[in-house]
């Protein structure tokens, strides 16, 4: 897997995650995408595949909320290599949450964010720049 970009995807919606996986692999043959079935497994999956990029969906409630996502990001940082973190947020569903996510990027708590409304091609482009 030399030269491949290993991406771990942690999204609440299985359907969305499937679409994002297909799109990423279609956009760039060097992307290898692994899907975390639940947030509790994300750090272990990042460790197992030696992830380069972690993409996490953020919503307002439960284990997908921003504070929980930042805890996962901190655990991933402790793995000992540079794994970039990209947060995915639906700006139409929750403008306040989108503002909080942007602030997390400004505070350098995560590497970048994208809105859920962007095209998968754009997502692939952003991941490629991390």
N, C-alpha and C. Protein backbone atom coordinates (compact mmCIF):
# COMPACT_ATOMS: atom_id res chain seq x y z
N UNK A 1 0.82 -1.21 0.00
CA UNK A 1 0.00 0.00 0.00
C UNK A 1 0.85 1.26 0.00
N UNK A 2 2.09 1.12 -0.47
CA UNK A 2 2.99 2.28 -0.55
C UNK A 2 2.40 3.32 -1.48
N UNK A 3 2.38 4.57 -1.05
CA UNK A 3 1.85 5.63 -1.89
C UNK A 3 0.33 5.77 -1.83
N UNK A 4 -0.33 4.84 -1.17
CA UNK A 4 -1.78 4.92 -1.04
C UNK A 4 -2.13 5.84 0.12
N UNK A 5 -3.26 6.55 0.00
CA UNK A 5 -3.77 7.37 1.10
C UNK A 5 -4.84 6.56 1.80
N UNK A 6 -4.61 6.26 3.08
CA UNK A 6 -5.57 5.46 3.84
C UNK A 6 -6.51 6.38 4.61
N UNK A 7 -7.78 6.27 4.28
CA UNK A 7 -8.79 7.17 4.84
C UNK A 7 -9.77 6.36 5.67
N UNK A 8 -9.99 6.80 6.91
CA UNK A 8 -11.00 6.18 7.75
C UNK A 8 -12.21 7.11 7.79
N UNK A 9 -13.37 6.53 7.53
CA UNK A 9 -14.62 7.27 7.45
C UNK A 9 -15.50 6.87 8.63
N UNK A 10 -15.91 7.85 9.42
CA UNK A 10 -16.78 7.60 10.57
C UNK A 10 -18.00 8.49 10.42
N UNK A 11 -19.07 7.91 9.88
CA UNK A 11 -20.30 8.67 9.63
C UNK A 11 -21.49 7.95 10.24
N UNK A 12 -22.46 8.72 10.70
CA UNK A 12 -23.64 8.14 11.34
C UNK A 12 -24.47 7.37 10.32
N UNK A 13 -24.68 7.98 9.17
CA UNK A 13 -25.54 7.37 8.15
C UNK A 13 -24.76 6.40 7.27
N UNK A 14 -25.17 5.15 7.30
CA UNK A 14 -24.51 4.13 6.48
C UNK A 14 -24.64 4.43 5.00
N UNK A 15 -25.80 4.94 4.61
CA UNK A 15 -26.05 5.25 3.20
C UNK A 15 -25.10 6.34 2.72
N UNK A 16 -24.98 7.40 3.52
CA UNK A 16 -24.07 8.50 3.16
C UNK A 16 -22.64 8.00 3.10
N UNK A 17 -22.25 7.21 4.09
CA UNK A 17 -20.88 6.70 4.14
C UNK A 17 -20.57 5.87 2.90
N UNK A 18 -21.51 5.04 2.49
CA UNK A 18 -21.34 4.20 1.31
C UNK A 18 -21.13 5.07 0.06
N UNK A 19 -21.95 6.12 -0.06
CA UNK A 19 -21.85 7.03 -1.21
C UNK A 19 -20.50 7.75 -1.21
N UNK A 20 -20.07 8.20 -0.04
CA UNK A 20 -18.78 8.90 0.08
C UNK A 20 -17.63 7.95 -0.26
N UNK A 21 -17.70 6.73 0.24
CA UNK A 21 -16.65 5.74 -0.07
C UNK A 21 -16.52 5.52 -1.57
N UNK A 22 -17.66 5.28 -2.21
CA UNK A 22 -17.66 5.03 -3.67
C UNK A 22 -17.07 6.24 -4.40
N UNK A 23 -17.50 7.43 -3.99
CA UNK A 23 -17.05 8.64 -4.66
C UNK A 23 -15.55 8.85 -4.49
N UNK A 24 -15.05 8.66 -3.27
CA UNK A 24 -13.62 8.87 -3.02
C UNK A 24 -12.78 7.91 -3.83
N UNK A 25 -13.19 6.64 -3.84
CA UNK A 25 -12.40 5.65 -4.57
C UNK A 25 -12.51 5.88 -6.07
N UNK A 26 -13.64 6.43 -6.51
CA UNK A 26 -13.81 6.76 -7.93
C UNK A 26 -12.99 7.97 -8.34
N UNK A 27 -12.81 8.91 -7.40
CA UNK A 27 -12.09 10.16 -7.71
C UNK A 27 -10.59 9.96 -7.76
N UNK A 28 -10.08 9.07 -6.92
CA UNK A 28 -8.64 8.91 -6.82
C UNK A 28 -8.29 7.45 -6.54
N UNK A 29 -7.62 6.81 -7.51
CA UNK A 29 -7.28 5.39 -7.33
C UNK A 29 -6.29 5.14 -6.19
N UNK A 30 -5.64 6.21 -5.70
CA UNK A 30 -4.69 6.06 -4.59
C UNK A 30 -5.37 6.11 -3.22
N UNK A 31 -6.69 6.35 -3.19
CA UNK A 31 -7.41 6.38 -1.92
C UNK A 31 -7.87 4.97 -1.54
N UNK A 32 -7.53 4.55 -0.34
CA UNK A 32 -8.08 3.31 0.21
C UNK A 32 -8.97 3.74 1.38
N UNK A 33 -10.26 3.42 1.29
CA UNK A 33 -11.20 3.92 2.29
C UNK A 33 -11.69 2.79 3.18
N UNK A 34 -11.60 3.02 4.48
CA UNK A 34 -12.09 2.06 5.48
C UNK A 34 -13.24 2.72 6.22
N UNK A 35 -14.31 1.97 6.45
CA UNK A 35 -15.44 2.56 7.15
C UNK A 35 -15.53 2.02 8.56
N UNK A 36 -15.57 2.93 9.52
CA UNK A 36 -15.76 2.55 10.91
C UNK A 36 -17.24 2.29 11.12
N UNK A 37 -17.57 1.12 11.68
CA UNK A 37 -18.99 0.80 11.86
C UNK A 37 -19.60 1.56 13.03
N UNK A 38 -18.76 1.94 13.99
CA UNK A 38 -19.25 2.80 15.08
C UNK A 38 -18.08 3.55 15.71
N UNK A 39 -18.36 4.74 16.27
CA UNK A 39 -17.29 5.60 16.79
C UNK A 39 -16.36 4.90 17.78
N UNK A 40 -16.88 3.96 18.54
CA UNK A 40 -16.04 3.25 19.53
C UNK A 40 -14.91 2.46 18.86
N UNK A 41 -15.06 2.18 17.59
CA UNK A 41 -14.06 1.38 16.87
C UNK A 41 -13.11 2.22 16.03
N UNK A 42 -13.36 3.51 15.95
CA UNK A 42 -12.63 4.37 15.02
C UNK A 42 -11.13 4.42 15.31
N UNK A 43 -10.76 4.60 16.58
CA UNK A 43 -9.33 4.71 16.91
C UNK A 43 -8.60 3.41 16.57
N UNK A 44 -9.21 2.28 16.92
CA UNK A 44 -8.60 0.98 16.62
C UNK A 44 -8.45 0.78 15.12
N UNK A 45 -9.43 1.21 14.36
CA UNK A 45 -9.36 1.09 12.90
C UNK A 45 -8.25 1.97 12.34
N UNK A 46 -8.14 3.19 12.86
CA UNK A 46 -7.05 4.08 12.43
C UNK A 46 -5.69 3.44 12.73
N UNK A 47 -5.57 2.81 13.90
CA UNK A 47 -4.33 2.14 14.27
C UNK A 47 -4.05 0.97 13.33
N UNK A 48 -5.08 0.16 13.09
CA UNK A 48 -4.91 -1.06 12.28
C UNK A 48 -4.49 -0.76 10.84
N UNK A 49 -5.06 0.29 10.25
CA UNK A 49 -4.75 0.57 8.84
C UNK A 49 -3.71 1.68 8.68
N UNK A 50 -3.21 2.19 9.81
CA UNK A 50 -2.23 3.29 9.79
C UNK A 50 -2.78 4.46 8.95
N UNK A 51 -3.94 4.97 9.37
CA UNK A 51 -4.68 5.97 8.60
C UNK A 51 -3.89 7.26 8.40
N UNK A 52 -4.05 7.84 7.22
CA UNK A 52 -3.50 9.17 6.90
C UNK A 52 -4.52 10.27 7.18
N UNK A 53 -5.78 9.94 6.96
CA UNK A 53 -6.85 10.93 7.12
C UNK A 53 -8.04 10.27 7.80
N UNK A 54 -8.58 10.96 8.80
CA UNK A 54 -9.80 10.53 9.48
C UNK A 54 -10.89 11.54 9.16
N UNK A 55 -11.98 11.04 8.56
CA UNK A 55 -13.13 11.90 8.23
C UNK A 55 -14.27 11.52 9.17
N UNK A 56 -14.73 12.49 9.97
CA UNK A 56 -15.80 12.21 10.93
C UNK A 56 -16.96 13.17 10.74
N UNK A 57 -18.14 12.59 10.65
CA UNK A 57 -19.36 13.39 10.59
C UNK A 57 -19.69 13.90 11.99
N UNK A 58 -20.09 15.16 12.07
CA UNK A 58 -20.47 15.75 13.36
C UNK A 58 -21.94 16.12 13.32
N UNK A 59 -22.68 15.63 14.32
CA UNK A 59 -24.06 16.07 14.48
C UNK A 59 -24.24 16.56 15.91
N UNK A 60 -25.41 17.03 16.23
CA UNK A 60 -25.64 17.70 17.50
C UNK A 60 -25.67 16.71 18.68
N UNK A 61 -26.13 15.48 18.45
CA UNK A 61 -26.39 14.62 19.61
C UNK A 61 -25.52 13.36 19.65
N UNK A 62 -25.50 12.79 20.85
CA UNK A 62 -24.90 11.47 21.04
C UNK A 62 -23.40 11.41 20.80
N UNK A 63 -22.95 10.23 20.40
CA UNK A 63 -21.52 9.99 20.24
C UNK A 63 -20.95 10.65 18.99
N UNK A 64 -21.81 11.33 18.25
CA UNK A 64 -21.34 12.02 17.04
C UNK A 64 -21.15 13.51 17.28
N UNK A 65 -21.39 13.97 18.52
CA UNK A 65 -21.29 15.41 18.76
C UNK A 65 -19.82 15.84 18.78
N UNK A 66 -19.62 17.14 18.62
CA UNK A 66 -18.28 17.69 18.43
C UNK A 66 -17.32 17.31 19.57
N UNK A 67 -17.77 17.43 20.81
CA UNK A 67 -16.86 17.14 21.94
C UNK A 67 -16.37 15.69 21.90
N UNK A 68 -17.26 14.76 21.50
CA UNK A 68 -16.88 13.34 21.39
C UNK A 68 -15.92 13.13 20.22
N UNK A 69 -16.16 13.84 19.12
CA UNK A 69 -15.29 13.75 17.95
C UNK A 69 -13.88 14.24 18.28
N UNK A 70 -13.79 15.30 19.08
CA UNK A 70 -12.49 15.83 19.45
C UNK A 70 -11.74 14.85 20.37
N UNK A 71 -12.49 14.10 21.20
CA UNK A 71 -11.85 13.07 22.04
C UNK A 71 -11.23 11.98 21.16
N UNK A 72 -11.97 11.56 20.13
CA UNK A 72 -11.45 10.54 19.20
C UNK A 72 -10.20 11.09 18.50
N UNK A 73 -10.28 12.34 18.06
CA UNK A 73 -9.14 12.97 17.38
C UNK A 73 -7.92 12.98 18.28
N UNK A 74 -8.11 13.27 19.57
CA UNK A 74 -6.99 13.29 20.51
C UNK A 74 -6.38 11.90 20.68
N UNK A 75 -7.21 10.88 20.72
CA UNK A 75 -6.72 9.50 20.82
C UNK A 75 -5.92 9.12 19.57
N UNK A 76 -6.42 9.53 18.41
CA UNK A 76 -5.73 9.23 17.15
C UNK A 76 -4.37 9.93 17.11
N UNK A 77 -4.32 11.17 17.62
CA UNK A 77 -3.03 11.89 17.65
C UNK A 77 -2.00 11.14 18.49
N UNK A 78 -2.47 10.43 19.52
CA UNK A 78 -1.56 9.69 20.40
C UNK A 78 -0.98 8.43 19.75
N UNK A 79 -1.48 8.05 18.57
CA UNK A 79 -1.00 6.84 17.91
C UNK A 79 0.45 6.97 17.45
N UNK A 80 0.89 8.21 17.27
CA UNK A 80 2.31 8.39 17.00
C UNK A 80 2.69 8.73 15.57
N UNK A 81 1.71 8.94 14.70
CA UNK A 81 2.04 9.43 13.36
C UNK A 81 1.02 10.50 13.00
N UNK A 82 1.28 11.20 11.91
CA UNK A 82 0.43 12.31 11.52
C UNK A 82 -0.79 11.82 10.75
N UNK A 83 -1.92 11.78 11.42
CA UNK A 83 -3.19 11.45 10.77
C UNK A 83 -4.03 12.72 10.81
N UNK A 84 -4.35 13.24 9.64
CA UNK A 84 -5.14 14.48 9.56
C UNK A 84 -6.60 14.18 9.90
N UNK A 85 -7.26 15.18 10.51
CA UNK A 85 -8.67 15.03 10.86
C UNK A 85 -9.51 16.04 10.10
N UNK A 86 -10.54 15.53 9.44
CA UNK A 86 -11.46 16.34 8.66
C UNK A 86 -12.86 16.11 9.20
N UNK A 87 -13.53 17.18 9.59
CA UNK A 87 -14.89 17.05 10.11
C UNK A 87 -15.90 17.38 9.00
N UNK A 88 -16.98 16.63 8.99
CA UNK A 88 -18.05 16.79 8.00
C UNK A 88 -19.28 17.26 8.76
N UNK A 89 -19.86 18.38 8.35
CA UNK A 89 -21.02 18.92 9.08
C UNK A 89 -22.07 19.41 8.09
N UNK A 90 -23.33 19.19 8.43
CA UNK A 90 -24.43 19.63 7.59
C UNK A 90 -24.81 21.06 7.98
N UNK A 91 -24.34 22.02 7.18
CA UNK A 91 -24.55 23.43 7.52
C UNK A 91 -26.00 23.85 7.36
N UNK A 92 -26.77 23.11 6.56
CA UNK A 92 -28.18 23.45 6.37
C UNK A 92 -29.03 23.00 7.55
N UNK A 93 -28.68 21.85 8.10
CA UNK A 93 -29.44 21.31 9.23
C UNK A 93 -29.11 22.05 10.52
N UNK A 94 -27.89 22.55 10.65
CA UNK A 94 -27.47 23.10 11.93
C UNK A 94 -26.38 24.16 11.76
N UNK A 95 -26.80 25.40 11.60
CA UNK A 95 -25.83 26.49 11.38
C UNK A 95 -24.94 26.74 12.60
N UNK A 96 -25.51 26.59 13.79
CA UNK A 96 -24.73 26.79 15.03
C UNK A 96 -23.61 25.76 15.13
N UNK A 97 -23.96 24.51 14.85
CA UNK A 97 -22.96 23.45 14.90
C UNK A 97 -21.87 23.69 13.85
N UNK A 98 -22.28 24.11 12.68
CA UNK A 98 -21.31 24.41 11.61
C UNK A 98 -20.33 25.49 12.08
N UNK A 99 -20.85 26.49 12.80
CA UNK A 99 -19.99 27.57 13.33
C UNK A 99 -19.02 27.00 14.37
N UNK A 100 -19.49 26.09 15.21
CA UNK A 100 -18.62 25.46 16.22
C UNK A 100 -17.51 24.64 15.55
N UNK A 101 -17.86 23.95 14.47
CA UNK A 101 -16.88 23.14 13.74
C UNK A 101 -15.83 24.05 13.10
N UNK A 102 -16.27 25.16 12.50
CA UNK A 102 -15.31 26.11 11.91
C UNK A 102 -14.37 26.65 12.98
N UNK A 103 -14.92 26.91 14.17
CA UNK A 103 -14.09 27.41 15.28
C UNK A 103 -13.05 26.37 15.69
N UNK A 104 -13.42 25.10 15.68
CA UNK A 104 -12.48 24.03 16.03
C UNK A 104 -11.29 24.03 15.06
N UNK A 105 -11.56 24.33 13.79
CA UNK A 105 -10.48 24.42 12.80
C UNK A 105 -9.62 25.65 13.09
N UNK A 106 -10.27 26.77 13.38
CA UNK A 106 -9.52 28.00 13.70
C UNK A 106 -8.63 27.79 14.93
N UNK A 107 -9.14 27.04 15.89
CA UNK A 107 -8.39 26.76 17.12
C UNK A 107 -7.36 25.64 16.94
N UNK A 108 -7.27 25.14 15.72
CA UNK A 108 -6.32 24.07 15.36
C UNK A 108 -6.55 22.77 16.12
N UNK A 109 -7.82 22.54 16.47
CA UNK A 109 -8.18 21.28 17.13
C UNK A 109 -8.31 20.17 16.10
N UNK A 110 -8.69 20.56 14.89
CA UNK A 110 -8.76 19.63 13.76
C UNK A 110 -8.13 20.31 12.55
N UNK A 111 -7.83 19.52 11.52
CA UNK A 111 -7.11 20.05 10.37
C UNK A 111 -7.98 20.81 9.38
N UNK A 112 -9.23 20.34 9.19
CA UNK A 112 -10.10 21.00 8.23
C UNK A 112 -11.52 20.52 8.43
N UNK A 113 -12.44 21.11 7.69
CA UNK A 113 -13.84 20.69 7.74
C UNK A 113 -14.41 20.86 6.35
N UNK A 114 -15.50 20.17 6.08
CA UNK A 114 -16.27 20.45 4.86
C UNK A 114 -17.74 20.35 5.20
N UNK A 115 -18.54 21.00 4.39
CA UNK A 115 -19.99 20.91 4.53
C UNK A 115 -20.51 19.67 3.84
N UNK A 116 -21.54 19.09 4.41
CA UNK A 116 -22.13 17.88 3.85
C UNK A 116 -22.71 18.11 2.45
N UNK A 117 -22.99 19.37 2.13
CA UNK A 117 -23.63 19.68 0.84
C UNK A 117 -22.66 19.68 -0.34
N UNK A 118 -21.36 19.61 -0.08
CA UNK A 118 -20.41 19.69 -1.20
C UNK A 118 -20.39 18.39 -1.99
N UNK A 119 -19.87 18.46 -3.19
CA UNK A 119 -19.80 17.26 -4.03
C UNK A 119 -18.71 16.33 -3.51
N UNK A 120 -18.87 15.04 -3.75
CA UNK A 120 -17.83 14.08 -3.38
C UNK A 120 -16.49 14.38 -4.03
N UNK A 121 -16.52 14.95 -5.24
CA UNK A 121 -15.29 15.31 -5.93
C UNK A 121 -14.54 16.39 -5.15
N UNK A 122 -15.30 17.34 -4.61
CA UNK A 122 -14.69 18.39 -3.79
C UNK A 122 -14.10 17.79 -2.52
N UNK A 123 -14.85 16.89 -1.90
CA UNK A 123 -14.36 16.19 -0.70
C UNK A 123 -13.03 15.50 -1.00
N UNK A 124 -12.97 14.79 -2.12
CA UNK A 124 -11.74 14.09 -2.51
C UNK A 124 -10.60 15.09 -2.70
N UNK A 125 -10.91 16.25 -3.28
CA UNK A 125 -9.90 17.28 -3.48
C UNK A 125 -9.35 17.80 -2.17
N UNK A 126 -10.23 18.03 -1.20
CA UNK A 126 -9.81 18.52 0.10
C UNK A 126 -8.94 17.47 0.80
N UNK A 127 -9.36 16.22 0.75
CA UNK A 127 -8.58 15.14 1.38
C UNK A 127 -7.20 15.07 0.75
N UNK A 128 -7.14 15.25 -0.55
CA UNK A 128 -5.86 15.18 -1.26
C UNK A 128 -4.90 16.26 -0.79
N UNK A 129 -5.42 17.40 -0.32
CA UNK A 129 -4.55 18.49 0.11
C UNK A 129 -4.08 18.34 1.55
N UNK A 130 -4.65 17.42 2.30
CA UNK A 130 -4.27 17.28 3.72
C UNK A 130 -2.93 16.60 3.88
